[in-house]
Protein backbone atom coordinates (compact mmCIF):
# COMPACT_ATOMS: atom_id res chain seq x y z
CA MET A 1 -23.80 20.30 -13.18
CA ARG A 2 -21.80 17.47 -11.62
CA ARG A 3 -18.06 17.92 -11.39
CA LYS A 4 -15.96 15.92 -13.83
CA ILE A 5 -13.10 14.11 -12.08
CA VAL A 6 -10.33 12.27 -13.89
CA TYR A 7 -8.25 9.80 -11.91
CA ILE A 8 -4.88 9.08 -13.53
CA VAL A 9 -3.37 5.89 -12.12
CA SER A 10 -0.19 4.10 -13.18
CA ASP A 11 1.15 0.59 -12.66
CA VAL A 12 -1.64 -0.83 -10.52
CA GLU A 13 -2.77 -4.44 -10.82
CA LYS A 14 -5.23 -4.62 -7.95
CA SER A 15 -6.21 -1.92 -5.46
CA LEU A 16 -9.05 -2.05 -2.97
CA ALA A 17 -8.60 1.68 -2.36
CA PHE A 18 -9.25 2.61 -5.99
CA GLU A 19 -12.20 0.23 -6.10
CA TRP A 20 -13.71 1.90 -3.05
CA MET A 21 -13.08 5.40 -4.42
CA ALA A 22 -14.49 4.50 -7.83
CA ALA A 23 -17.65 3.06 -6.30
CA HIS A 24 -18.15 6.18 -4.17
CA PHE A 25 -17.36 8.96 -6.63
CA LYS A 26 -19.26 7.29 -9.47
CA SER A 27 -22.47 8.46 -7.77
CA HIS A 28 -21.10 11.86 -6.74
CA ALA A 29 -19.36 13.06 -9.90
CA GLU A 30 -18.77 12.38 -13.57
CA LEU A 31 -15.86 10.00 -13.14
CA PHE A 32 -13.23 8.82 -15.64
CA PHE A 33 -10.17 6.63 -15.00
CA LEU A 34 -7.08 7.06 -17.16
CA LEU A 35 -4.88 4.02 -16.53
CA ILE A 36 -1.20 3.78 -17.49
CA GLY A 37 0.27 0.29 -17.59
CA LYS A 38 -1.12 -3.13 -18.40
CA ARG A 39 -4.09 -3.59 -20.71
CA GLN A 40 -5.76 -6.15 -18.44
CA THR A 41 -5.78 -5.89 -14.64
CA ALA A 42 -8.06 -6.66 -11.72
CA LEU A 43 -8.74 -2.92 -11.39
CA ILE A 44 -9.89 -2.73 -15.02
CA SER A 45 -12.20 -5.70 -14.46
CA PHE A 46 -13.72 -3.90 -11.47
CA LEU A 47 -14.27 -0.70 -13.45
CA GLU A 48 -15.99 -2.67 -16.21
CA GLN A 49 -18.23 -4.47 -13.72
CA THR A 50 -19.28 -1.22 -12.03
CA GLY A 51 -19.74 0.78 -15.23
CA VAL A 52 -17.02 3.37 -14.58
CA ARG A 53 -15.61 4.89 -17.77
CA TYR A 54 -11.92 4.31 -18.35
CA GLN A 55 -9.19 4.23 -20.97
CA VAL A 56 -5.82 2.51 -20.91
CA VAL A 57 -2.53 3.95 -22.11
CA ALA A 58 -0.98 0.52 -22.53
CA ASP A 59 2.67 -0.40 -22.11
CA GLU A 60 2.06 -3.29 -24.50
CA ASP A 61 1.76 -0.78 -27.34
CA GLY A 62 5.47 -0.03 -26.99
CA ALA A 63 5.08 3.74 -27.10
CA SER A 64 7.77 5.97 -25.59
CA PHE A 65 7.17 7.97 -22.43
CA PHE A 66 6.65 11.09 -24.56
CA ARG A 67 4.09 9.42 -26.82
CA LYS A 68 2.22 8.15 -23.78
CA TRP A 69 2.28 11.69 -22.39
CA LEU A 70 0.81 13.01 -25.65
CA THR A 71 -2.00 10.47 -25.31
CA VAL A 72 -2.65 11.60 -21.74
CA LEU A 73 -2.69 15.22 -22.91
CA SER A 74 -5.14 14.39 -25.70
CA LEU A 75 -7.47 12.47 -23.39
CA LEU A 76 -7.53 15.27 -20.81
CA GLN A 77 -8.22 17.76 -23.59
CA ARG A 78 -11.16 15.60 -24.67
CA GLU A 79 -12.54 15.09 -21.16
CA ARG A 80 -12.12 18.72 -19.97
CA PRO A 81 -12.20 17.81 -16.26
CA HIS A 82 -12.63 20.13 -13.30
CA VAL A 83 -10.32 17.93 -11.23
CA VAL A 84 -7.36 15.74 -12.15
CA HIS A 85 -6.12 13.50 -9.35
CA ALA A 86 -2.97 11.51 -10.16
CA HIS A 87 -1.68 8.48 -8.28
CA LEU A 88 1.79 6.91 -8.48
CA TRP A 89 4.91 8.02 -10.22
CA ARG A 90 4.26 7.89 -13.97
CA ALA A 91 0.70 9.11 -13.51
CA GLN A 92 1.93 11.95 -11.31
CA LEU A 93 4.51 13.18 -13.81
CA MET A 94 2.37 12.78 -16.93
CA GLY A 95 -0.78 13.98 -15.21
CA MET A 96 0.53 17.12 -13.55
CA THR A 97 2.40 18.37 -16.62
CA ALA A 98 -0.52 17.71 -18.99
CA ALA A 99 -3.12 19.14 -16.61
CA TRP A 100 -1.01 22.27 -16.06
CA LEU A 101 -0.68 22.88 -19.81
CA LEU A 102 -4.46 22.54 -20.17
CA ARG A 103 -5.03 24.77 -17.13
CA VAL A 104 -7.21 22.21 -15.36
CA PRO A 105 -8.58 24.13 -12.34
CA LYS A 106 -7.70 21.51 -9.70
CA ARG A 107 -4.48 19.60 -10.29
CA ILE A 108 -3.96 17.16 -7.43
CA PHE A 109 -1.65 14.25 -6.87
CA THR A 110 -1.27 11.89 -3.97
CA ARG A 111 2.36 11.47 -2.93
CA HIS A 112 2.73 7.69 -2.64
CA HIS A 113 6.48 7.62 -2.06
CA ALA A 114 8.37 9.12 0.85
CA ALA A 115 12.14 9.65 0.74
CA LEU A 116 12.83 7.37 -2.24
CA HIS A 117 14.26 10.14 -4.42
CA HIS A 118 16.24 11.60 -1.55
CA GLU A 119 17.87 8.37 -0.41
CA VAL A 120 17.82 5.86 -3.29
CA TYR A 121 17.14 7.47 -6.69
CA PRO A 122 18.24 11.14 -6.46
CA THR A 123 17.70 11.74 -10.20
CA GLY A 124 13.97 11.60 -9.54
CA LEU A 125 14.01 14.51 -7.10
CA LYS A 126 13.91 17.20 -9.81
CA TRP A 127 10.71 15.65 -11.19
CA ASP A 128 9.17 15.55 -7.71
CA LYS A 129 9.90 19.25 -7.34
CA LEU A 130 8.42 19.99 -10.77
CA CYS A 131 5.20 18.18 -9.87
CA ASN A 132 5.10 19.98 -6.54
CA ARG A 133 5.17 23.32 -8.40
CA LEU A 134 2.58 22.39 -11.04
CA ALA A 135 0.01 20.95 -8.64
CA THR A 136 -2.65 23.06 -6.97
CA GLY A 137 -2.88 20.53 -4.15
CA ILE A 138 -0.85 17.59 -2.86
CA VAL A 139 -2.27 14.81 -0.72
CA ALA A 140 0.18 13.64 1.94
CA ILE A 141 -0.86 10.21 3.18
CA SER A 142 1.08 10.47 6.45
CA GLN A 143 2.85 13.01 8.61
CA ASN A 144 6.08 11.48 7.33
CA VAL A 145 5.21 12.47 3.76
CA GLN A 146 3.87 15.84 4.91
CA ASN A 147 7.20 16.61 6.59
CA ILE A 148 9.23 15.52 3.55
CA LEU A 149 7.15 17.77 1.29
CA THR A 150 7.22 20.86 3.50
CA GLN A 151 10.56 20.56 5.31
CA TRP A 152 12.76 18.74 2.78
CA GLU A 153 11.28 19.98 -0.50
CA GLY A 154 10.01 23.42 0.50
CA VAL A 155 6.36 23.00 -0.50
CA ALA A 156 4.06 25.63 0.99
CA PRO A 157 2.14 24.03 3.88
CA ALA A 158 -1.14 25.41 2.52
CA LYS A 159 -0.72 23.29 -0.62
CA VAL A 160 -0.30 20.04 1.33
CA HIS A 161 -3.38 18.20 2.61
CA LEU A 162 -2.92 15.41 5.16
CA ILE A 163 -5.40 12.70 4.18
CA HIS A 164 -4.66 9.25 5.52
CA HIS A 165 -5.58 6.22 3.46
CA GLY A 166 -9.07 5.01 4.34
CA PHE A 167 -10.16 1.40 4.63
CA ASP A 168 -13.34 -0.64 4.60
CA LEU A 169 -12.47 -1.99 8.02
CA ALA A 170 -15.32 -4.53 8.03
CA TYR A 171 -13.83 -6.16 4.93
CA PHE A 172 -10.75 -7.15 6.92
CA ALA A 173 -12.54 -7.86 10.21
CA GLN A 174 -15.19 -10.20 8.78
CA PRO A 175 -13.68 -12.54 6.16
CA ASP A 176 -15.84 -15.28 4.69
CA PRO A 177 -14.91 -18.62 6.35
CA GLN A 178 -15.33 -20.55 3.11
CA ALA A 179 -13.10 -18.08 1.27
CA VAL A 180 -10.47 -18.52 3.98
CA ALA A 181 -10.65 -22.31 3.63
CA ASN A 182 -10.39 -22.00 -0.16
CA LEU A 183 -7.31 -19.78 0.12
CA ARG A 184 -5.64 -22.21 2.51
CA GLN A 185 -6.27 -25.05 0.06
CA ARG A 186 -5.30 -23.00 -3.01
CA HIS A 187 -1.87 -22.21 -1.61
CA GLY A 188 -1.32 -25.50 0.20
CA LEU A 189 -1.07 -23.90 3.64
CA PRO A 190 -0.88 -26.40 6.52
CA ALA A 191 -3.17 -26.33 9.54
CA ARG A 192 -0.38 -25.74 12.04
CA GLY A 193 1.29 -22.82 13.71
CA PRO A 194 2.55 -20.35 14.35
CA MET A 195 1.66 -19.16 10.85
CA ILE A 196 3.86 -16.10 10.31
CA GLY A 197 2.86 -13.78 7.49
CA VAL A 198 4.53 -11.08 5.41
CA ILE A 199 2.92 -9.05 2.63
CA ALA A 200 5.63 -7.04 0.90
CA ARG A 201 7.35 -6.87 -2.46
CA TYR A 202 10.85 -8.24 -2.68
CA LEU A 203 12.68 -4.94 -2.20
CA GLU A 204 15.72 -4.35 0.01
CA LEU A 205 13.98 -1.64 1.99
CA LYS A 206 11.20 -4.02 3.11
CA GLY A 207 13.58 -5.90 5.41
CA ILE A 208 12.43 -9.39 4.39
CA PRO A 209 15.82 -11.14 4.91
CA TYR A 210 15.63 -10.15 8.58
CA VAL A 211 12.24 -11.87 8.81
CA VAL A 212 13.66 -14.99 7.18
CA GLU A 213 16.57 -15.06 9.64
CA ALA A 214 14.12 -14.57 12.53
CA PHE A 215 12.02 -17.43 11.17
CA LYS A 216 15.01 -19.76 11.21
CA THR A 217 15.42 -18.95 14.91
CA ILE A 218 11.70 -19.47 15.56
CA ARG A 219 11.76 -22.93 13.97
CA ARG A 220 14.34 -24.15 16.47
CA GLU A 221 11.77 -23.66 19.24
CA PHE A 222 8.62 -24.21 17.17
CA PRO A 223 9.37 -26.80 14.45
CA ASP A 224 5.83 -26.52 13.07
CA ALA A 225 6.18 -22.80 12.36
CA PHE A 226 5.29 -21.79 8.80
CA LEU A 227 6.19 -18.64 6.86
CA ILE A 228 3.98 -17.02 4.20
CA LEU A 229 5.72 -14.51 1.92
CA ALA A 230 3.02 -12.77 -0.12
CA ASN A 231 3.54 -10.31 -2.97
CA ALA A 232 6.73 -12.30 -3.46
CA HIS A 233 8.32 -10.62 -6.44
CA GLY A 234 10.78 -7.79 -7.01
CA VAL A 235 14.38 -6.88 -7.73
CA TYR A 236 15.64 -8.18 -4.37
CA ALA A 237 14.36 -11.71 -5.06
CA PRO A 238 17.83 -13.28 -5.57
CA VAL A 239 18.98 -12.13 -2.12
CA ILE A 240 15.79 -13.32 -0.42
CA LYS A 241 15.85 -16.68 -2.19
CA LYS A 242 19.45 -17.15 -1.09
CA SER A 243 18.36 -16.46 2.48
CA LEU A 244 15.59 -19.06 2.09
CA ALA A 245 17.96 -21.69 0.69
CA ASP A 246 18.47 -23.45 4.03
CA VAL A 247 14.79 -23.30 5.04
CA PRO A 248 12.94 -26.54 4.26
CA VAL A 249 10.57 -26.03 1.33
CA GLU A 250 7.70 -27.49 3.39
CA ALA A 251 8.16 -24.70 5.97
CA TYR A 252 7.33 -21.71 3.79
CA LYS A 253 5.23 -20.56 0.84
CA GLU A 254 5.91 -17.76 -1.62
CA VAL A 255 2.70 -16.23 -3.01
CA ILE A 256 3.26 -14.05 -6.05
CA PHE A 257 -0.19 -12.46 -6.00
CA GLU A 258 -3.34 -12.93 -3.94
CA ASN A 259 -6.53 -11.06 -4.67
CA ASP A 260 -8.33 -11.96 -1.43
CA LEU A 261 -6.44 -9.97 1.19
CA ALA A 262 -9.01 -10.46 3.95
CA SER A 263 -8.66 -14.25 3.74
CA LEU A 264 -4.88 -13.99 3.49
CA TYR A 265 -4.66 -12.10 6.78
CA ALA A 266 -7.14 -14.53 8.34
CA VAL A 267 -4.78 -17.51 8.01
CA MET A 268 -1.95 -15.72 9.83
CA ASP A 269 -1.19 -16.07 13.54
CA VAL A 270 1.42 -13.28 13.54
CA PHE A 271 1.99 -10.60 10.91
CA VAL A 272 5.41 -9.01 10.39
CA HIS A 273 6.21 -5.76 8.58
CA VAL A 274 9.71 -4.44 9.18
CA PRO A 275 10.86 -1.78 6.68
CA THR A 276 14.48 -0.82 7.19
CA GLY A 277 14.13 2.88 8.06
CA PRO A 278 11.69 5.54 9.27
CA HIS A 279 11.27 7.15 5.83
CA VAL A 280 10.96 3.94 3.79
CA GLU A 281 7.17 3.85 3.81
CA ALA A 282 5.05 6.76 2.70
CA PHE A 283 2.14 5.15 4.54
CA GLY A 284 2.34 1.36 4.80
CA GLN A 285 -1.20 0.07 4.34
CA THR A 286 -0.36 -3.25 5.96
CA TYR A 287 0.04 -1.50 9.31
CA VAL A 288 -3.68 -0.77 9.27
CA GLU A 289 -4.90 -3.84 7.39
CA ALA A 290 -3.29 -6.37 9.73
CA LEU A 291 -4.67 -4.74 12.86
CA ALA A 292 -8.12 -4.34 11.29
CA ALA A 293 -8.00 -8.07 10.53
CA GLY A 294 -7.22 -8.83 14.16
CA VAL A 295 -3.75 -10.26 13.53
CA PRO A 296 -1.14 -9.63 16.26
CA ALA A 297 1.74 -7.82 14.59
CA VAL A 298 5.45 -7.11 14.78
CA PHE A 299 6.43 -3.76 13.26
CA THR A 300 9.26 -1.36 12.74
CA LEU A 301 8.12 2.25 12.83
CA SER A 302 7.99 3.69 9.31
CA GLY A 303 5.43 5.65 7.31
CA VAL A 304 2.22 6.16 9.26
CA ALA A 305 3.18 3.77 12.07
CA PRO A 306 4.71 6.37 14.45
CA GLU A 307 1.38 8.20 14.42
CA PHE A 308 -0.56 5.40 16.12
CA ILE A 309 1.52 2.31 16.93
CA VAL A 310 2.45 1.91 20.62
CA ASN A 311 4.79 -0.89 21.64
CA ARG A 312 3.05 -3.81 23.37
CA LYS A 313 -0.26 -1.97 23.31
CA ASN A 314 -1.47 -2.47 19.74
CA ALA A 315 1.64 -4.13 18.22
CA CYS A 316 5.15 -5.22 19.15
CA VAL A 317 7.73 -2.70 17.94
CA VAL A 318 11.24 -3.84 17.03
CA GLY A 319 14.44 -2.14 15.93
CA PHE A 320 15.38 -1.69 12.30
CA ARG A 321 17.36 -4.50 10.65
CA ASN A 322 17.23 -6.67 13.77
CA ALA A 323 16.38 -10.33 13.22
CA GLY A 324 16.88 -11.10 16.91
CA ASP A 325 14.28 -8.54 17.96
CA ILE A 326 11.84 -9.92 15.40
CA ALA A 327 12.27 -13.50 16.60
CA SER A 328 11.85 -12.47 20.25
CA ALA A 329 8.69 -10.49 19.50
CA ILE A 330 7.10 -13.35 17.53
CA THR A 331 7.93 -15.79 20.33
CA ASP A 332 6.48 -13.45 22.93
CA ILE A 333 3.23 -13.06 21.01
CA TRP A 334 2.90 -16.80 20.42
CA GLN A 335 3.59 -17.80 24.04
CA ASN A 336 1.87 -14.96 25.92
CA ASP A 337 -1.91 -15.34 25.64
CA ALA A 338 -2.68 -12.13 27.52
CA LEU A 339 -0.36 -10.07 25.32
CA ARG A 340 -1.75 -11.63 22.17
CA GLU A 341 -5.37 -10.96 23.09
CA ASN A 342 -4.59 -7.38 24.13
CA LEU A 343 -2.79 -6.70 20.84
CA ILE A 344 -5.82 -7.98 18.92
CA THR A 345 -8.30 -5.88 20.91
CA GLU A 346 -6.26 -2.68 20.97
CA GLY A 347 -5.15 -3.15 17.38
CA LYS A 348 -8.73 -3.18 16.13
CA ARG A 349 -9.59 -0.18 18.29
CA SER A 350 -6.59 1.85 17.14
CA VAL A 351 -7.40 1.69 13.41
CA GLN A 352 -10.94 3.04 13.64
CA SER A 353 -9.74 6.52 12.65
CA PHE A 354 -8.62 5.10 9.28
CA SER A 355 -12.17 4.54 8.09
CA LEU A 356 -13.06 4.77 4.43
CA GLU A 357 -15.76 7.33 5.20
CA HIS A 358 -13.27 9.70 6.80
CA MET A 359 -10.98 9.63 3.76
CA LEU A 360 -13.83 10.07 1.27
CA HIS A 361 -15.21 13.05 3.21
CA LYS A 362 -11.81 14.78 3.07
CA LEU A 363 -11.44 14.07 -0.66
CA GLU A 364 -14.91 15.48 -1.34
CA ALA A 365 -13.89 18.69 0.41
CA LEU A 366 -10.65 18.84 -1.59
CA TYR A 367 -12.47 18.41 -4.91
CA ALA A 368 -15.18 20.99 -4.11
C-alpha cells in the first residue's frame, strides 16, 4: 500500500518548489494538498493541471483562525494520512496541532523562518516551541535554522533534519530566449546596462533602501544603469518609495509579481540580495537561483549563504546595511571582465549540491 502524504501549505501564490515536489511525490505516494489562503493561485492551477488532489481552506470565506483549524482537523481525519508535512506559519501551527490530536504517525514541518520570533515578533516564539514539541520531525533548511532550533530553542538534535532546498538547476540555466524577450517587452525593460536586479518583498530586513542608495551612486558613473525591483510589495513600501523619489522613473521598474523567474534572472547583469543580518534569512532561495542562472551577484551573508558563498570566488560579499559597499561591488563586477566571468563560472559550479534530486531523496527517506 502506498503511503498517504498530506502537504499543508499556507499563503503561497506561486512556488516552483511545491510544483516540483508535487510532480515527484504524485507518482511515489497518495498525495493530497491542503492549502490555506487564497481560493485561486498559480499553485492551485498547477495542481489542477497535474491531477494532484487538493482542497482550499479559503480566507475569502471569512472564517476565524479556530474555524479554519477545525476544517483542517476534519480534513485530516477524513484523509487519515501516514505523513503530514506542513509548510509556512499558519500551516505549521494548524497542521501540527491537528495532526498531533489525530496521532498522525509522522508529523513534520519545514521551518521556513529563522530568528523572526526571537528578534521581531517575540509573541510568536511560544507557538514555535509548541510546534517543536508536537512534531516528530523538523526540516531545517539551513545550518542557520538548525542552530536556532537546537541551540536557541532547545530542540533535540535527533528531531532536526538538515535538508537544503533543492532546485531544478537547468530551469534557471537554460531560459527560453523568446520567453526572455517577451518578459523584457512585458515590463518595458530597456536594452541597456548595467541591469541591476533585486527579487525581494518590501520588508525592512531585506535591505532594499541600501540597494536604492547604491543605485543612485552607480548612476553617476553609469547613467544608463537600470534597476529592477521584483516582488515589489510589502509593509516597507512607503519607505522604499520615498527612497526612490529622486530616482528618474525611466531608470527603474517595480514588478509586483512575475511568474517566469528564469527569464527574470536572464535580463539581469548583476543581482543583489542584501538582507540586514545573519539570521534574517532561513535559507534565501535567491542565493542559489541567481548563481544557477549565471548572474554575477552581490550578497550579504544570511541564511544558507555562509555555507557556500566565498567572497570574489562565486559572489561579491558586502557588509550589512552598507550602500557604499554595494555600489563598489556592482561597479567592480561591471568593469572587471575577468572577475565577472569567474563569478559566473564558479557560481554555477557552487550550486550543484542544491539539486532537486538530492532534496527529494532526503525527503523520501524522512517519509519512509
